[in-house]
Amino acid sequence: MGRTVPTWRGRVEQEIEILVPYRRALSHEDRCRFDAMLHDVRMRRAAGGMLPAHEAWRPMLLSMILGAHERIQALEQCVTSLQQHILSLGGDEHEQH
């Protein structure tokens, strides 16, 4: 017996293929951002395959949101680290408001 529902990977790659003209029309910077979002989808392939949805977009968007959140958290950690470093140097004496 064959599969009645295409694999998650197959569904995602099919959706991504549909987006190729959109990707081509993006600026270089936006194309890089778009590729990063698609990378987030591919990196969370196992989780996306757990949803029995026939539409690929719901798990794709969740994967993109998680990837963006991951980058936000990394930036927050960098900011906190820099703030702590500045404070350790006596930085709040030199702050101007």
PDB file of N, CA and C in Angstrom:
ATOM      1  N   MET A   1       0.834  -1.193   0.000  1.00  0.00           N
ATOM      2  CA  MET A   1       0.000   0.000   0.000  1.00  0.00           C
ATOM      3  C   MET A   1       0.873   1.248   0.000  1.00  0.00           C
ATOM      4  N   GLY A   2       0.450   2.243  -0.752  1.00  0.00           N
ATOM      5  CA  GLY A   2       1.192   3.495  -0.808  1.00  0.00           C
ATOM      6  C   GLY A   2       0.719   4.468   0.253  1.00  0.00           C
ATOM      7  N   ARG A   3       1.465   5.527   0.382  1.00  0.00           N
ATOM      8  CA  ARG A   3       1.100   6.577   1.331  1.00  0.00           C
ATOM      9  C   ARG A   3      -0.016   7.417   0.726  1.00  0.00           C
ATOM     10  N   THR A   4      -0.966   7.805   1.554  1.00  0.00           N
ATOM     11  CA  THR A   4      -2.039   8.669   1.071  1.00  0.00           C
ATOM     12  C   THR A   4      -1.723  10.138   1.320  1.00  0.00           C
ATOM     13  N   VAL A   5      -0.862  10.413   2.287  1.00  0.00           N
ATOM     14  CA  VAL A   5      -0.472  11.783   2.600  1.00  0.00           C
ATOM     15  C   VAL A   5       1.014  11.929   2.289  1.00  0.00           C
ATOM     16  N   PRO A   6       1.370  12.933   1.488  1.00  0.00           N
ATOM     17  CA  PRO A   6       2.796  13.127   1.197  1.00  0.00           C
ATOM     18  C   PRO A   6       3.580  13.393   2.484  1.00  0.00           C
ATOM     19  N   THR A   7       4.859  13.090   2.456  1.00  0.00           N
ATOM     20  CA  THR A   7       5.688  13.326   3.636  1.00  0.00           C
ATOM     21  C   THR A   7       5.757  14.818   3.930  1.00  0.00           C
ATOM     22  N   TRP A   8       6.064  15.133   5.166  1.00  0.00           N
ATOM     23  CA  TRP A   8       6.224  16.526   5.581  1.00  0.00           C
ATOM     24  C   TRP A   8       7.285  17.211   4.722  1.00  0.00           C
ATOM     25  N   ARG A   9       8.408  16.542   4.563  1.00  0.00           N
ATOM     26  CA  ARG A   9       9.492  17.129   3.771  1.00  0.00           C
ATOM     27  C   ARG A   9       9.026  17.405   2.342  1.00  0.00           C
ATOM     28  N   GLY A  10       8.318  16.463   1.757  1.00  0.00           N
ATOM     29  CA  GLY A  10       7.809  16.644   0.404  1.00  0.00           C
ATOM     30  C   GLY A  10       6.840  17.797   0.295  1.00  0.00           C
ATOM     31  N   ARG A  11       5.945  17.914   1.276  1.00  0.00           N
ATOM     32  CA  ARG A  11       4.974  19.017   1.268  1.00  0.00           C
ATOM     33  C   ARG A  11       5.677  20.361   1.397  1.00  0.00           C
ATOM     34  N   VAL A  12       6.657  20.423   2.308  1.00  0.00           N
ATOM     35  CA  VAL A  12       7.378  21.679   2.515  1.00  0.00           C
ATOM     36  C   VAL A  12       8.159  22.065   1.266  1.00  0.00           C
ATOM     37  N   GLU A  13       8.883  21.118   0.708  1.00  0.00           N
ATOM     38  CA  GLU A  13       9.675  21.427  -0.485  1.00  0.00           C
ATOM     39  C   GLU A  13       8.774  21.856  -1.640  1.00  0.00           C
ATOM     40  N   GLN A  14       7.585  21.276  -1.727  1.00  0.00           N
ATOM     41  CA  GLN A  14       6.627  21.671  -2.765  1.00  0.00           C
ATOM     42  C   GLN A  14       6.175  23.118  -2.547  1.00  0.00           C
ATOM     43  N   GLU A  15       5.881  23.474  -1.296  1.00  0.00           N
ATOM     44  CA  GLU A  15       5.482  24.852  -0.988  1.00  0.00           C
ATOM     45  C   GLU A  15       6.623  25.827  -1.275  1.00  0.00           C
ATOM     46  N   ILE A  16       7.836  25.435  -0.914  1.00  0.00           N
ATOM     47  CA  ILE A  16       8.998  26.293  -1.150  1.00  0.00           C
ATOM     48  C   ILE A  16       9.208  26.503  -2.647  1.00  0.00           C
ATOM     49  N   GLU A  17       9.014  25.461  -3.419  1.00  0.00           N
ATOM     50  CA  GLU A  17       9.167  25.560  -4.877  1.00  0.00           C
ATOM     51  C   GLU A  17       8.167  26.559  -5.464  1.00  0.00           C
ATOM     52  N   ILE A  18       6.964  26.597  -4.923  1.00  0.00           N
ATOM     53  CA  ILE A  18       5.946  27.547  -5.381  1.00  0.00           C
ATOM     54  C   ILE A  18       6.389  28.985  -5.118  1.00  0.00           C
ATOM     55  N   LEU A  19       7.207  29.172  -4.072  1.00  0.00           N
ATOM     56  CA  LEU A  19       7.643  30.510  -3.674  1.00  0.00           C
ATOM     57  C   LEU A  19       8.865  31.026  -4.432  1.00  0.00           C
ATOM     58  N   VAL A  20       9.419  30.237  -5.331  1.00  0.00           N
ATOM     59  CA  VAL A  20      10.637  30.639  -6.048  1.00  0.00           C
ATOM     60  C   VAL A  20      10.468  31.983  -6.774  1.00  0.00           C
ATOM     61  N   PRO A  21       9.370  32.231  -7.505  1.00  0.00           N
ATOM     62  CA  PRO A  21       9.235  33.541  -8.166  1.00  0.00           C
ATOM     63  C   PRO A  21       9.205  34.696  -7.160  1.00  0.00           C
ATOM     64  N   TYR A  22       8.556  34.480  -6.023  1.00  0.00           N
ATOM     65  CA  TYR A  22       8.523  35.495  -4.965  1.00  0.00           C
ATOM     66  C   TYR A  22       9.940  35.771  -4.469  1.00  0.00           C
ATOM     67  N   ARG A  23      10.691  34.705  -4.216  1.00  0.00           N
ATOM     68  CA  ARG A  23      12.065  34.828  -3.722  1.00  0.00           C
ATOM     69  C   ARG A  23      12.925  35.609  -4.710  1.00  0.00           C
ATOM     70  N   ARG A  24      12.772  35.311  -5.995  1.00  0.00           N
ATOM     71  CA  ARG A  24      13.563  35.990  -7.029  1.00  0.00           C
ATOM     72  C   ARG A  24      13.305  37.492  -7.050  1.00  0.00           C
ATOM     73  N   ALA A  25      12.078  37.891  -6.727  1.00  0.00           N
ATOM     74  CA  ALA A  25      11.706  39.304  -6.772  1.00  0.00           C
ATOM     75  C   ALA A  25      12.190  40.090  -5.550  1.00  0.00           C
ATOM     76  N   LEU A  26      12.653  39.408  -4.525  1.00  0.00           N
ATOM     77  CA  LEU A  26      13.116  40.082  -3.313  1.00  0.00           C
ATOM     78  C   LEU A  26      14.478  40.738  -3.534  1.00  0.00           C
ATOM     79  N   SER A  27      14.741  41.760  -2.748  1.00  0.00           N
ATOM     80  CA  SER A  27      16.079  42.358  -2.758  1.00  0.00           C
ATOM     81  C   SER A  27      17.065  41.334  -2.202  1.00  0.00           C
ATOM     82  N   HIS A  28      18.339  41.570  -2.423  1.00  0.00           N
ATOM     83  CA  HIS A  28      19.360  40.637  -1.934  1.00  0.00           C
ATOM     84  C   HIS A  28      19.246  40.447  -0.420  1.00  0.00           C
ATOM     85  N   GLU A  29      19.072  41.549   0.313  1.00  0.00           N
ATOM     86  CA  GLU A  29      18.978  41.472   1.771  1.00  0.00           C
ATOM     87  C   GLU A  29      17.757  40.665   2.201  1.00  0.00           C
ATOM     88  N   ASP A  30      16.605  40.945   1.580  1.00  0.00           N
ATOM     89  CA  ASP A  30      15.390  40.204   1.925  1.00  0.00           C
ATOM     90  C   ASP A  30      15.494  38.741   1.510  1.00  0.00           C
ATOM     91  N   ARG A  31      16.171  38.471   0.407  1.00  0.00           N
ATOM     92  CA  ARG A  31      16.360  37.088  -0.031  1.00  0.00           C
ATOM     93  C   ARG A  31      17.156  36.310   1.020  1.00  0.00           C
ATOM     94  N   CYS A  32      18.163  36.946   1.588  1.00  0.00           N
ATOM     95  CA  CYS A  32      18.949  36.300   2.652  1.00  0.00           C
ATOM     96  C   CYS A  32      18.080  36.029   3.872  1.00  0.00           C
ATOM     97  N   ARG A  33      17.232  36.987   4.229  1.00  0.00           N
ATOM     98  CA  ARG A  33      16.322  36.797   5.369  1.00  0.00           C
ATOM     99  C   ARG A  33      15.325  35.678   5.080  1.00  0.00           C
ATOM    100  N   PHE A  34      14.796  35.679   3.880  1.00  0.00           N
ATOM    101  CA  PHE A  34      13.831  34.655   3.477  1.00  0.00           C
ATOM    102  C   PHE A  34      14.482  33.274   3.528  1.00  0.00           C
ATOM    103  N   ASP A  35      15.697  33.172   3.024  1.00  0.00           N
ATOM    104  CA  ASP A  35      16.421  31.896   3.058  1.00  0.00           C
ATOM    105  C   ASP A  35      16.659  31.435   4.493  1.00  0.00           C
ATOM    106  N   ALA A  36      16.924  32.383   5.392  1.00  0.00           N
ATOM    107  CA  ALA A  36      17.116  32.025   6.803  1.00  0.00           C
ATOM    108  C   ALA A  36      15.827  31.458   7.393  1.00  0.00           C
ATOM    109  N   MET A  37      14.685  32.034   7.014  1.00  0.00           N
ATOM    110  CA  MET A  37      13.404  31.507   7.509  1.00  0.00           C
ATOM    111  C   MET A  37      13.154  30.102   6.971  1.00  0.00           C
ATOM    112  N   LEU A  38      13.478  29.880   5.707  1.00  0.00           N
ATOM    113  CA  LEU A  38      13.302  28.541   5.139  1.00  0.00           C
ATOM    114  C   LEU A  38      14.255  27.552   5.801  1.00  0.00           C
ATOM    115  N   HIS A  39      15.434  28.015   6.164  1.00  0.00           N
ATOM    116  CA  HIS A  39      16.383  27.168   6.895  1.00  0.00           C
ATOM    117  C   HIS A  39      15.787  26.763   8.244  1.00  0.00           C
ATOM    118  N   ASP A  40      15.110  27.709   8.915  1.00  0.00           N
ATOM    119  CA  ASP A  40      14.458  27.395  10.188  1.00  0.00           C
ATOM    120  C   ASP A  40      13.424  26.289  10.015  1.00  0.00           C
ATOM    121  N   VAL A  41      12.689  26.335   8.916  1.00  0.00           N
ATOM    122  CA  VAL A  41      11.687  25.297   8.639  1.00  0.00           C
ATOM    123  C   VAL A  41      12.372  23.948   8.471  1.00  0.00           C
ATOM    124  N   ARG A  42      13.419  23.926   7.687  1.00  0.00           N
ATOM    125  CA  ARG A  42      14.114  22.660   7.422  1.00  0.00           C
ATOM    126  C   ARG A  42      14.783  22.106   8.682  1.00  0.00           C
ATOM    127  N   MET A  43      15.257  22.974   9.564  1.00  0.00           N
ATOM    128  CA  MET A  43      15.918  22.526  10.789  1.00  0.00           C
ATOM    129  C   MET A  43      14.927  21.918  11.785  1.00  0.00           C
ATOM    130  N   ARG A  44      13.658  22.253  11.649  1.00  0.00           N
ATOM    131  CA  ARG A  44      12.631  21.740  12.559  1.00  0.00           C
ATOM    132  C   ARG A  44      11.739  20.720  11.852  1.00  0.00           C
ATOM    133  N   ARG A  45      12.334  20.026  10.925  1.00  0.00           N
ATOM    134  CA  ARG A  45      11.624  19.051  10.100  1.00  0.00           C
ATOM    135  C   ARG A  45      10.911  17.988  10.939  1.00  0.00           C
ATOM    136  N   ALA A  46      11.587  17.456  11.944  1.00  0.00           N
ATOM    137  CA  ALA A  46      10.998  16.383  12.756  1.00  0.00           C
ATOM    138  C   ALA A  46       9.754  16.873  13.491  1.00  0.00           C
ATOM    139  N   ALA A  47       9.812  18.077  14.053  1.00  0.00           N
ATOM    140  CA  ALA A  47       8.661  18.616  14.776  1.00  0.00           C
ATOM    141  C   ALA A  47       7.506  18.891  13.817  1.00  0.00           C
ATOM    142  N   GLY A  48       7.811  19.448  12.659  1.00  0.00           N
ATOM    143  CA  GLY A  48       6.765  19.740  11.677  1.00  0.00           C
ATOM    144  C   GLY A  48       6.046  18.499  11.212  1.00  0.00           C
ATOM    145  N   GLY A  49       6.774  17.410  11.110  1.00  0.00           N
ATOM    146  CA  GLY A  49       6.180  16.152  10.674  1.00  0.00           C
ATOM    147  C   GLY A  49       5.241  15.534  11.688  1.00  0.00           C
ATOM    148  N   MET A  50       5.259  16.032  12.918  1.00  0.00           N
ATOM    149  CA  MET A  50       4.388  15.499  13.963  1.00  0.00           C
ATOM    150  C   MET A  50       2.965  16.020  13.849  1.00  0.00           C
ATOM    151  N   LEU A  51       2.779  17.120  13.143  1.00  0.00           N
ATOM    152  CA  LEU A  51       1.432  17.659  12.975  1.00  0.00           C
ATOM    153  C   LEU A  51       0.772  16.993  11.777  1.00  0.00           C
ATOM    154  N   PRO A  52      -0.413  16.447  11.978  1.00  0.00           N
ATOM    155  CA  PRO A  52      -1.077  15.736  10.885  1.00  0.00           C
ATOM    156  C   PRO A  52      -1.783  16.653   9.888  1.00  0.00           C
ATOM    157  N   ALA A  53      -1.435  17.919   9.900  1.00  0.00           N
ATOM    158  CA  ALA A  53      -2.111  18.876   9.023  1.00  0.00           C
ATOM    159  C   ALA A  53      -1.816  18.578   7.559  1.00  0.00           C
ATOM    160  N   HIS A  54      -2.830  18.737   6.741  1.00  0.00           N
ATOM    161  CA  HIS A  54      -2.641  18.581   5.298  1.00  0.00           C
ATOM    162  C   HIS A  54      -2.056  19.854   4.698  1.00  0.00           C
ATOM    163  N   GLU A  55      -2.208  20.943   5.424  1.00  0.00           N
ATOM    164  CA  GLU A  55      -1.600  22.187   4.974  1.00  0.00           C
ATOM    165  C   GLU A  55      -0.226  22.303   5.611  1.00  0.00           C
ATOM    166  N   ALA A  56       0.745  22.612   4.816  1.00  0.00           N
ATOM    167  CA  ALA A  56       2.123  22.677   5.310  1.00  0.00           C
ATOM    168  C   ALA A  56       2.422  24.003   6.002  1.00  0.00           C
ATOM    169  N   TRP A  57       1.619  25.027   5.749  1.00  0.00           N
ATOM    170  CA  TRP A  57       1.969  26.359   6.233  1.00  0.00           C
ATOM    171  C   TRP A  57       1.935  26.513   7.741  1.00  0.00           C
ATOM    172  N   ARG A  58       1.018  25.860   8.425  1.00  0.00           N
ATOM    173  CA  ARG A  58       0.944  26.033   9.881  1.00  0.00           C
ATOM    174  C   ARG A  58       2.262  25.624  10.545  1.00  0.00           C
ATOM    175  N   PRO A  59       2.755  24.407  10.342  1.00  0.00           N
ATOM    176  CA  PRO A  59       4.041  24.057  10.959  1.00  0.00           C
ATOM    177  C   PRO A  59       5.214  24.845  10.374  1.00  0.00           C
ATOM    178  N   MET A  60       5.116  25.249   9.111  1.00  0.00           N
ATOM    179  CA  MET A  60       6.190  26.063   8.534  1.00  0.00           C
ATOM    180  C   MET A  60       6.283  27.403   9.259  1.00  0.00           C
ATOM    181  N   LEU A  61       5.127  28.049   9.466  1.00  0.00           N
ATOM    182  CA  LEU A  61       5.124  29.338  10.156  1.00  0.00           C
ATOM    183  C   LEU A  61       5.578  29.200  11.601  1.00  0.00           C
ATOM    184  N   LEU A  62       5.147  28.141  12.271  1.00  0.00           N
ATOM    185  CA  LEU A  62       5.613  27.908  13.641  1.00  0.00           C
ATOM    186  C   LEU A  62       7.129  27.770  13.680  1.00  0.00           C
ATOM    187  N   SER A  63       7.685  27.067  12.723  1.00  0.00           N
ATOM    188  CA  SER A  63       9.141  26.896  12.661  1.00  0.00           C
ATOM    189  C   SER A  63       9.842  28.224  12.419  1.00  0.00           C
ATOM    190  N   MET A  64       9.272  29.060  11.552  1.00  0.00           N
ATOM    191  CA  MET A  64       9.856  30.371  11.287  1.00  0.00           C
ATOM    192  C   MET A  64       9.798  31.258  12.529  1.00  0.00           C
ATOM    193  N   ILE A  65       8.667  31.213  13.232  1.00  0.00           N
ATOM    194  CA  ILE A  65       8.517  32.005  14.455  1.00  0.00           C
ATOM    195  C   ILE A  65       9.511  31.540  15.510  1.00  0.00           C
ATOM    196  N   LEU A  66       9.659  30.238  15.663  1.00  0.00           N
ATOM    197  CA  LEU A  66      10.633  29.717  16.630  1.00  0.00           C
ATOM    198  C   LEU A  66      12.054  30.145  16.279  1.00  0.00           C
ATOM    199  N   GLY A  67      12.385  30.111  15.002  1.00  0.00           N
ATOM    200  CA  GLY A  67      13.709  30.551  14.578  1.00  0.00           C
ATOM    201  C   GLY A  67      13.934  32.024  14.880  1.00  0.00           C
ATOM    202  N   ALA A  68      12.919  32.854  14.627  1.00  0.00           N
ATOM    203  CA  ALA A  68      13.035  34.283  14.924  1.00  0.00           C
ATOM    204  C   ALA A  68      13.172  34.500  16.427  1.00  0.00           C
ATOM    205  N   HIS A  69      12.398  33.757  17.203  1.00  0.00           N
ATOM    206  CA  HIS A  69      12.476  33.879  18.661  1.00  0.00           C
ATOM    207  C   HIS A  69      13.856  33.458  19.170  1.00  0.00           C
ATOM    208  N   GLU A  70      14.409  32.428  18.570  1.00  0.00           N
ATOM    209  CA  GLU A  70      15.750  31.971  18.943  1.00  0.00           C
ATOM    210  C   GLU A  70      16.775  33.092  18.721  1.00  0.00           C
ATOM    211  N   ARG A  71      16.666  33.787  17.584  1.00  0.00           N
ATOM    212  CA  ARG A  71      17.592  34.880  17.295  1.00  0.00           C
ATOM    213  C   ARG A  71      17.363  36.069  18.232  1.00  0.00           C
ATOM    214  N   ILE A  72      16.108  36.342  18.563  1.00  0.00           N
ATOM    215  CA  ILE A  72      15.802  37.424  19.508  1.00  0.00           C
ATOM    216  C   ILE A  72      16.420  37.121  20.868  1.00  0.00           C
ATOM    217  N   GLN A  73      16.263  35.884  21.340  1.00  0.00           N
ATOM    218  CA  GLN A  73      16.845  35.510  22.630  1.00  0.00           C
ATOM    219  C   GLN A  73      18.365  35.642  22.612  1.00  0.00           C
ATOM    220  N   ALA A  74      18.995  35.249  21.525  1.00  0.00           N
ATOM    221  CA  ALA A  74      20.452  35.373  21.422  1.00  0.00           C
ATOM    222  C   ALA A  74      20.863  36.844  21.489  1.00  0.00           C
ATOM    223  N   LEU A  75      20.108  37.710  20.820  1.00  0.00           N
ATOM    224  CA  LEU A  75      20.404  39.143  20.869  1.00  0.00           C
ATOM    225  C   LEU A  75      20.191  39.704  22.271  1.00  0.00           C
ATOM    226  N   GLU A  76      19.117  39.259  22.943  1.00  0.00           N
ATOM    227  CA  GLU A  76      18.867  39.701  24.316  1.00  0.00           C
ATOM    228  C   GLU A  76      20.017  39.300  25.230  1.00  0.00           C
ATOM    229  N   GLN A  77      20.525  38.094  25.050  1.00  0.00           N
ATOM    230  CA  GLN A  77      21.654  37.638  25.860  1.00  0.00           C
ATOM    231  C   GLN A  77      22.895  38.485  25.587  1.00  0.00           C
ATOM    232  N   CYS A  78      23.122  38.840  24.324  1.00  0.00           N
ATOM    233  CA  CYS A  78      24.264  39.698  23.980  1.00  0.00           C
ATOM    234  C   CYS A  78      24.123  41.071  24.626  1.00  0.00           C
ATOM    235  N   VAL A  79      22.926  41.644  24.558  1.00  0.00           N
ATOM    236  CA  VAL A  79      22.690  42.961  25.151  1.00  0.00           C
ATOM    237  C   VAL A  79      22.918  42.905  26.659  1.00  0.00           C
ATOM    238  N   THR A  80      22.375  41.888  27.318  1.00  0.00           N
ATOM    239  CA  THR A  80      22.559  41.732  28.761  1.00  0.00           C
ATOM    240  C   THR A  80      24.034  41.597  29.106  1.00  0.00           C
ATOM    241  N   SER A  81      24.740  40.799  28.348  1.00  0.00           N
ATOM    242  CA  SER A  81      26.169  40.605  28.576  1.00  0.00           C
ATOM    243  C   SER A  81      26.936  41.917  28.407  1.00  0.00           C
ATOM    244  N   LEU A  82      26.605  42.665  27.365  1.00  0.00           N
ATOM    245  CA  LEU A  82      27.264  43.957  27.142  1.00  0.00           C
ATOM    246  C   LEU A  82      26.936  44.948  28.256  1.00  0.00           C
ATOM    247  N   GLN A  83      25.682  44.950  28.708  1.00  0.00           N
ATOM    248  CA  GLN A  83      25.297  45.839  29.803  1.00  0.00           C
ATOM    249  C   GLN A  83      26.071  45.495  31.070  1.00  0.00           C
ATOM    250  N   GLN A  84      26.193  44.212  31.356  1.00  0.00           N
ATOM    251  CA  GLN A  84      26.943  43.788  32.534  1.00  0.00           C
ATOM    252  C   GLN A  84      28.410  44.174  32.407  1.00  0.00           C
ATOM    253  N   HIS A  85      28.954  44.041  31.227  1.00  0.00           N
ATOM    254  CA  HIS A  85      30.352  44.413  30.997  1.00  0.00           C
ATOM    255  C   HIS A  85      30.547  45.913  31.204  1.00  0.00           C
ATOM    256  N   ILE A  86      29.641  46.703  30.683  1.00  0.00           N
ATOM    257  CA  ILE A  86      29.722  48.158  30.847  1.00  0.00           C
ATOM    258  C   ILE A  86      29.635  48.530  32.322  1.00  0.00           C
ATOM    259  N   LEU A  87      28.702  47.897  33.042  1.00  0.00           N
ATOM    260  CA  LEU A  87      28.567  48.176  34.473  1.00  0.00           C
ATOM    261  C   LEU A  87      29.823  47.777  35.235  1.00  0.00           C
ATOM    262  N   SER A  88      30.443  46.671  34.838  1.00  0.00           N
ATOM    263  CA  SER A  88      31.662  46.226  35.519  1.00  0.00           C
ATOM    264  C   SER A  88      32.823  47.191  35.287  1.00  0.00           C
ATOM    265  N   LEU A  89      32.741  47.957  34.221  1.00  0.00           N
ATOM    266  CA  LEU A  89      33.768  48.957  33.933  1.00  0.00           C
ATOM    267  C   LEU A  89      33.440  50.311  34.563  1.00  0.00           C
ATOM    268  N   GLY A  90      32.356  50.352  35.321  1.00  0.00           N
ATOM    269  CA  GLY A  90      31.915  51.616  35.906  1.00  0.00           C
ATOM    270  C   GLY A  90      31.188  52.469  34.901  1.00  0.00           C
ATOM    271  N   GLY A  91      30.540  51.829  33.964  1.00  0.00           N
ATOM    272  CA  GLY A  91      29.896  52.512  32.843  1.00  0.00           C
ATOM    273  C   GLY A  91      28.748  53.402  33.208  1.00  0.00           C
ATOM    274  N   ASP A  92      28.060  53.138  34.337  1.00  0.00           N
ATOM    275  CA  ASP A  92      26.899  53.974  34.612  1.00  0.00           C
ATOM    276  C   ASP A  92      27.313  55.372  35.061  1.00  0.00           C
ATOM    277  N   GLU A  93      28.584  55.586  35.424  1.00  0.00           N
ATOM    278  CA  GLU A  93      29.077  56.928  35.732  1.00  0.00           C
ATOM    279  C   GLU A  93      29.160  57.773  34.459  1.00  0.00           C
ATOM    280  N   HIS A  94      29.395  57.108  33.340  1.00  0.00           N
ATOM    281  CA  HIS A  94      29.625  57.817  32.080  1.00  0.00           C
ATOM    282  C   HIS A  94      28.377  57.925  31.214  1.00  0.00           C
ATOM    283  N   GLU A  95      27.279  57.345  31.666  1.00  0.00           N
ATOM    284  CA  GLU A  95      26.056  57.393  30.859  1.00  0.00           C
ATOM    285  C   GLU A  95      25.509  58.808  30.854  1.00  0.00           C
ATOM    286  N   GLN A  96      25.017  59.224  29.708  1.00  0.00           N
ATOM    287  CA  GLN A  96      24.389  60.529  29.592  1.00  0.00           C
ATOM    288  C   GLN A  96      22.931  60.315  29.261  1.00  0.00           C
ATOM    289  N   HIS A  97      22.063  60.986  29.971  1.00  0.00           N
ATOM    290  CA  HIS A  97      20.617  60.846  29.716  1.00  0.00           C
ATOM    291  C   HIS A  97      20.057  62.133  29.210  1.00  0.00           C
TER     292      HIS A  97
END
